[in-house]
Protein backbone atom coordinates (compact mmCIF):
# COMPACT_ATOMS: atom_id res chain seq x y z
CA MET A 1 -74.03 78.13 -70.04
CA LYS A 2 -76.42 75.66 -70.67
CA VAL A 3 -76.63 72.68 -68.11
CA LYS A 4 -78.40 69.80 -69.98
CA ASN A 5 -79.29 66.92 -67.73
CA LEU A 6 -77.81 68.30 -63.87
CA PHE A 7 -78.37 65.20 -61.74
CA PRO A 8 -79.46 61.39 -61.69
CA LEU A 9 -83.08 60.35 -61.83
CA ALA A 10 -84.44 59.30 -58.16
CA ALA A 11 -87.70 57.70 -57.40
CA PHE A 12 -90.57 59.20 -56.96
CA ILE A 13 -91.90 59.34 -53.25
CA VAL A 14 -94.68 57.68 -51.97
CA ILE A 15 -97.10 59.63 -49.80
CA VAL A 16 -99.28 58.03 -47.05
CA PHE A 17 -102.27 59.98 -45.65
CA ALA A 18 -104.19 59.08 -42.41
CA SER A 19 -108.05 58.42 -43.25
CA CYS A 20 -110.06 59.24 -40.18
CA SER A 21 -109.25 60.06 -36.34
CA LYS A 22 -111.35 59.54 -33.29
CA SER A 23 -113.23 62.00 -30.29
CA ASP A 24 -112.08 62.43 -27.75
CA SER A 25 -115.75 62.55 -26.34
CA GLY A 26 -118.42 60.56 -26.23
CA GLY A 27 -116.78 57.42 -28.19
CA GLY A 28 -117.91 58.64 -31.31
CA THR A 29 -115.96 59.18 -34.61
CA THR A 30 -115.82 62.85 -36.18
CA PRO A 31 -114.81 63.19 -40.05
CA ALA A 32 -111.14 63.60 -40.27
CA PRO A 33 -110.23 66.96 -41.98
CA THR A 34 -109.67 66.31 -45.83
CA PRO A 35 -106.03 65.83 -46.64
CA VAL A 36 -104.52 67.82 -48.42
CA VAL A 37 -102.68 66.36 -51.69
CA ALA A 38 -99.92 66.63 -53.59
CA ARG A 39 -100.55 68.89 -56.90
CA THR A 40 -98.58 69.89 -60.12
CA ILE A 41 -99.11 72.75 -61.93
CA MET A 42 -97.80 72.90 -65.04
CA ASP A 43 -96.92 76.43 -67.18
CA THR A 44 -98.56 78.93 -64.62
CA GLY A 45 -97.75 82.48 -65.62
CA TYR A 46 -95.97 85.05 -63.23
CA GLY A 47 -96.52 88.17 -65.75
CA ALA A 48 -98.08 88.74 -69.47
CA ASP A 49 -94.96 87.20 -70.92
CA LEU A 50 -94.79 83.74 -72.55
CA LYS A 51 -91.66 83.05 -71.43
CA GLN A 52 -93.08 84.25 -67.33
CA LYS A 53 -93.96 80.94 -66.50
CA MET A 54 -93.01 78.15 -63.95
CA ASP A 55 -94.21 74.53 -62.75
CA ILE A 56 -95.08 73.96 -59.83
CA TYR A 57 -94.98 70.70 -57.55
CA LEU A 58 -96.81 70.69 -54.67
CA PRO A 59 -96.43 68.50 -51.21
CA ALA A 60 -99.06 66.65 -49.76
CA ASN A 61 -100.00 67.79 -46.31
CA ARG A 62 -98.34 70.69 -46.88
CA SER A 63 -99.01 74.15 -44.48
CA THR A 64 -98.23 78.21 -44.15
CA THR A 65 -95.76 76.63 -41.23
CA SER A 66 -93.95 73.83 -42.15
CA THR A 67 -93.61 73.86 -46.14
CA LYS A 68 -90.29 74.94 -47.42
CA VAL A 69 -90.65 76.27 -50.20
CA LEU A 70 -87.45 75.56 -53.32
CA ILE A 71 -86.90 77.88 -55.91
CA LEU A 72 -84.95 76.40 -58.87
CA ILE A 73 -83.54 78.90 -61.88
CA HIS A 74 -81.89 77.50 -65.32
CA GLY A 75 -79.29 78.56 -66.58
CA GLY A 76 -78.42 79.34 -70.41
CA GLY A 77 -76.16 82.70 -70.64
CA TRP A 78 -79.06 84.62 -70.06
CA THR A 79 -79.68 83.83 -73.46
CA GLY A 80 -81.06 80.36 -73.80
CA GLY A 81 -82.19 77.35 -71.28
CA ASP A 82 -85.53 76.61 -70.35
CA LYS A 83 -86.58 75.28 -66.89
CA SER A 84 -87.16 71.62 -68.59
CA ASP A 85 -83.30 71.49 -67.84
CA PHE A 86 -84.02 70.69 -64.22
CA ALA A 87 -86.88 67.58 -65.36
CA ALA A 88 -84.01 65.59 -64.84
CA VAL A 89 -83.90 66.65 -61.02
CA ILE A 90 -87.52 67.27 -59.68
CA ASP A 91 -87.67 63.71 -58.21
CA THR A 92 -84.22 63.68 -56.81
CA LEU A 93 -84.88 66.88 -55.10
CA LYS A 94 -88.78 65.41 -53.72
CA GLN A 95 -86.89 62.38 -52.17
CA ARG A 96 -83.70 64.08 -51.25
CA LEU A 97 -86.32 67.15 -49.96
CA PRO A 98 -89.12 65.79 -48.56
CA GLY A 99 -91.98 68.19 -47.88
CA TYR A 100 -90.38 70.98 -49.99
CA ALA A 101 -92.71 72.87 -52.66
CA ILE A 102 -90.48 73.13 -55.78
CA PHE A 103 -91.08 76.37 -58.01
CA ASN A 104 -88.77 75.92 -61.61
CA LEU A 105 -88.92 78.75 -63.26
CA ASN A 106 -88.84 80.38 -66.59
CA TYR A 107 -87.84 83.89 -67.30
CA ARG A 108 -87.11 86.23 -70.29
CA LEU A 109 -84.19 85.29 -72.56
CA ALA A 110 -82.28 88.55 -74.05
CA SER A 111 -81.20 88.21 -77.89
CA PHE A 112 -79.37 90.40 -79.33
CA PRO A 113 -79.14 93.52 -80.67
CA THR A 114 -81.77 95.03 -78.17
CA ASN A 115 -84.16 92.54 -76.89
CA ASN A 116 -84.49 91.79 -73.35
CA LEU A 117 -81.14 92.66 -72.36
CA PHE A 118 -79.59 92.53 -68.72
CA PRO A 119 -81.64 93.05 -65.90
CA THR A 120 -84.56 92.31 -67.75
CA GLN A 121 -83.55 88.65 -66.62
CA GLU A 122 -83.05 89.93 -62.82
CA MET A 123 -86.37 91.56 -62.96
CA ASP A 124 -88.24 88.75 -64.13
CA ILE A 125 -86.56 86.37 -61.34
CA LYS A 126 -87.86 89.37 -58.38
CA THR A 127 -90.87 89.20 -59.62
CA ALA A 128 -91.43 85.57 -59.69
CA VAL A 129 -89.82 85.32 -56.47
CA GLU A 130 -92.38 87.78 -54.91
CA SER A 131 -95.55 86.64 -56.43
CA ILE A 132 -94.91 83.03 -55.11
CA TYR A 133 -94.37 85.22 -51.80
CA ASN A 134 -97.44 87.14 -51.95
CA ASN A 135 -99.36 83.99 -52.51
CA ARG A 136 -97.82 81.79 -50.10
CA SER A 137 -101.55 81.37 -48.51
CA ALA A 138 -103.37 80.28 -51.73
CA TYR A 139 -100.26 77.52 -52.46
CA LEU A 140 -100.22 76.74 -48.19
CA VAL A 141 -96.44 77.36 -47.83
CA SER A 142 -94.36 78.83 -45.24
CA ASP A 143 -91.59 82.09 -45.22
CA LYS A 144 -88.74 80.42 -45.77
CA PHE A 145 -87.41 80.24 -49.60
CA VAL A 146 -84.39 78.91 -50.84
CA LEU A 147 -83.12 79.56 -54.01
CA MET A 148 -81.05 76.77 -56.05
CA GLY A 149 -79.52 78.15 -59.81
CA THR A 150 -76.69 76.87 -62.13
CA SER A 151 -75.09 79.30 -64.09
CA ALA A 152 -76.27 82.41 -65.44
CA GLY A 153 -79.23 80.89 -62.72
CA GLY A 154 -76.62 80.81 -60.05
CA HIS A 155 -75.78 84.56 -60.83
CA LEU A 156 -79.82 85.64 -61.01
CA SER A 157 -79.99 83.43 -57.51
CA LEU A 158 -77.27 85.58 -55.97
CA LEU A 159 -78.70 88.57 -57.08
CA GLN A 160 -82.21 87.79 -55.93
CA ALA A 161 -80.98 86.75 -52.76
CA TYR A 162 -78.28 89.24 -51.95
CA LYS A 163 -79.69 92.56 -53.49
CA HIS A 164 -83.44 91.91 -53.03
CA ARG A 165 -84.27 91.37 -49.84
CA SER A 166 -86.90 94.31 -49.16
CA VAL A 167 -89.46 91.78 -49.74
CA VAL A 168 -88.52 88.18 -49.44
CA LYS A 169 -85.85 87.18 -47.46
CA ILE A 170 -84.15 84.25 -48.59
CA LYS A 171 -83.07 81.42 -46.18
CA ALA A 172 -80.39 79.72 -48.21
CA LEU A 173 -79.20 79.29 -51.68
CA VAL A 174 -77.25 76.54 -53.86
CA ASP A 175 -74.77 78.53 -56.59
CA PHE A 176 -73.74 75.47 -59.43
CA PHE A 177 -70.94 78.00 -60.32
CA GLY A 178 -73.05 81.15 -61.14
CA PRO A 179 -70.67 84.53 -62.12
CA THR A 180 -70.43 86.41 -59.35
CA ASP A 181 -68.45 89.40 -60.42
CA MET A 182 -69.75 90.81 -64.46
CA ALA A 183 -66.52 92.92 -65.34
CA ALA A 184 -64.30 90.06 -63.79
CA LEU A 185 -66.51 87.74 -66.21
CA TYR A 186 -65.86 90.27 -68.92
CA ASN A 187 -62.37 90.61 -69.07
CA ASP A 188 -61.62 86.44 -68.17
CA TYR A 189 -62.84 86.34 -71.47
CA SER A 190 -60.41 88.52 -72.71
CA THR A 191 -59.24 86.10 -75.55
CA ASN A 192 -62.62 84.69 -76.64
CA ILE A 193 -63.39 88.43 -78.61
CA PRO A 194 -67.29 86.95 -79.80
CA THR A 195 -68.03 85.36 -76.01
CA GLN A 196 -66.61 88.79 -74.77
CA PHE A 197 -68.49 90.54 -77.37
CA ALA A 198 -71.73 88.84 -76.17
CA ILE A 199 -71.43 89.90 -72.30
CA ALA A 200 -70.88 93.22 -73.99
CA SER A 201 -74.19 93.49 -75.84
CA LEU A 202 -76.28 91.42 -72.79
CA MET A 203 -75.01 94.68 -70.48
CA SER A 204 -75.30 97.30 -73.33
CA GLY A 205 -71.39 98.20 -72.94
CA THR A 206 -68.38 97.21 -71.58
CA PRO A 207 -67.04 97.72 -68.34
CA ALA A 208 -65.44 101.02 -69.18
CA THR A 209 -68.92 102.35 -70.94
CA ASN A 210 -71.37 100.60 -68.44
CA PRO A 211 -69.59 100.46 -65.27
CA ALA A 212 -73.29 101.44 -63.22
CA LEU A 213 -74.95 98.34 -64.89
CA TYR A 214 -71.74 96.14 -64.36
CA GLN A 215 -71.94 96.81 -60.77
CA SER A 216 -75.49 96.69 -60.02
CA SER A 217 -75.15 93.45 -61.68
CA SER A 218 -72.62 91.30 -59.78
CA PRO A 219 -73.66 89.91 -57.11
CA ILE A 220 -70.43 90.22 -54.93
CA GLN A 221 -71.06 94.11 -54.30
CA PHE A 222 -74.12 93.02 -52.54
CA VAL A 223 -72.42 90.97 -49.86
CA ASP A 224 -72.57 92.06 -46.21
CA ALA A 225 -73.16 90.30 -42.78
CA LEU A 226 -76.80 90.10 -43.67
CA ASN A 227 -76.71 86.97 -46.98
CA CYS A 228 -78.00 83.93 -45.86
CA PRO A 229 -76.51 81.10 -45.83
CA THR A 230 -74.82 79.87 -49.29
CA ILE A 231 -72.99 76.50 -50.81
CA VAL A 232 -71.06 77.74 -54.05
CA ILE A 233 -70.19 74.53 -56.07
CA GLN A 234 -67.67 74.80 -58.62
CA GLY A 235 -65.61 72.87 -60.97
CA GLY A 236 -61.82 73.65 -61.04
CA ALA A 237 -61.22 72.78 -64.92
CA ASP A 238 -65.20 75.08 -65.59
CA PRO A 239 -64.07 76.83 -69.00
CA VAL A 240 -67.11 78.63 -68.72
CA VAL A 241 -67.09 80.50 -65.01
CA ASN A 242 -63.94 81.15 -63.88
CA ALA A 243 -63.44 79.29 -60.48
CA THR A 244 -61.13 82.03 -59.31
CA THR A 245 -62.52 85.23 -60.11
CA GLN A 246 -66.13 83.87 -59.59
CA SER A 247 -66.75 81.16 -57.26
CA GLN A 248 -63.54 81.54 -55.03
CA ALA A 249 -63.61 85.46 -54.88
CA LEU A 250 -67.28 85.40 -53.93
CA VAL A 251 -66.91 82.46 -50.63
CA THR A 252 -64.17 85.08 -49.75
CA LYS A 253 -65.90 87.48 -49.73
CA LEU A 254 -68.64 85.88 -47.54
CA SER A 255 -66.29 84.86 -45.22
CA SER A 256 -65.03 88.09 -44.48
CA PHE A 257 -68.28 89.18 -43.21
CA SER A 258 -68.84 85.84 -41.49
CA VAL A 259 -71.57 85.19 -43.59
CA PRO A 260 -72.27 81.47 -42.99
CA ASN A 261 -70.97 79.54 -46.28
CA GLN A 262 -69.60 76.27 -48.19
CA TYR A 263 -67.50 76.19 -51.35
CA VAL A 264 -67.56 72.62 -52.71
CA PHE A 265 -64.78 72.63 -55.67
CA TYR A 266 -63.90 69.67 -57.74
CA PRO A 267 -60.57 70.64 -59.31
CA ALA A 268 -61.12 68.51 -62.30
CA GLY A 269 -65.29 69.57 -62.83
CA GLY A 270 -66.20 71.49 -65.69
CA HIS A 271 -69.27 73.37 -66.62
CA GLY A 272 -71.81 70.75 -65.01
CA ASP A 273 -70.45 68.09 -67.24
CA TRP A 274 -69.96 65.68 -64.42
CA ASP A 275 -70.19 62.22 -64.03
CA ALA A 276 -73.05 60.66 -61.70
CA ALA A 277 -71.03 60.08 -58.45
CA THR A 278 -69.88 63.82 -58.43
CA TYR A 279 -73.32 64.91 -58.78
CA THR A 280 -74.44 62.13 -55.93
CA ASP A 281 -71.34 63.86 -53.52
CA ALA A 282 -72.98 67.80 -54.53
CA PHE A 283 -76.50 66.57 -53.32
CA ASN A 284 -75.12 64.77 -50.43
CA LYS A 285 -73.29 67.97 -49.31
CA ILE A 286 -76.69 70.37 -50.09
CA GLN A 287 -78.82 67.81 -48.12
CA VAL A 288 -76.42 68.73 -45.54
CA PHE A 289 -76.14 71.97 -45.79
CA LEU A 290 -80.02 73.16 -46.10
CA GLY A 291 -80.69 70.71 -43.54
CA VAL A 292 -78.36 72.85 -40.89
CA HIS A 293 -79.76 76.40 -42.08
CA VAL A 294 -83.24 76.04 -42.97
CA PRO A 295 -84.21 73.82 -39.67
């Protein structure tokens, strides 16, 4: 489920700062506050493992009241991928969502037969999101958090937003073709035994032998009226994540609970291998959606 070069590149943002201000009394001048400059912090840790790293892009003039947070979670089938997969989209996001702080996460990857099996990835995302939230005063960011994930990263984003909301309540979520029902995903591969075996390895069993983990790992099981607004983006010809049993099933359940949602469906779209026009359209819709739901 690894998706490389997801989005077209965009221009860098130029930010202009005021240098001084006049005092209100006596006609004199007082020193202007030191401007908060933009910062980029690469490979900062949120845990002890080498994979528990994130890249941080903090905008200029940020504050704990105004600066929203966008957290990116890469795909790769829970066994591969890297935060660098989002490298092509960082500048686009800076341009389209000016003023957002961006946190691009890595997490521990599963390797069979026994290393970092699920829910390791889920717990890493929870740790990272709560670490950012608990340090927002240091980062000078607000409590308005948005998640964006692709494929397995979409699944992890959905789990974080819907299941782990006691500490951080996510304001909105962008899901690019993420699995939503792990038992259905296993069954979707009934004619692809190697992939079905890989899912069973990741989940330490089949839906029949380990039903509790399949249920607790399925975002669709945690849908209720308190879920955050969610935009789901899916290709109709996706050979990896079934549009009907995964994305469509999720939006149907969200709608049944009156959760604000939008389903962006590209009938001919595969698993993220879309052209620039399709991604431009998707990002136009994301930009509008976040503008409405994360004012």
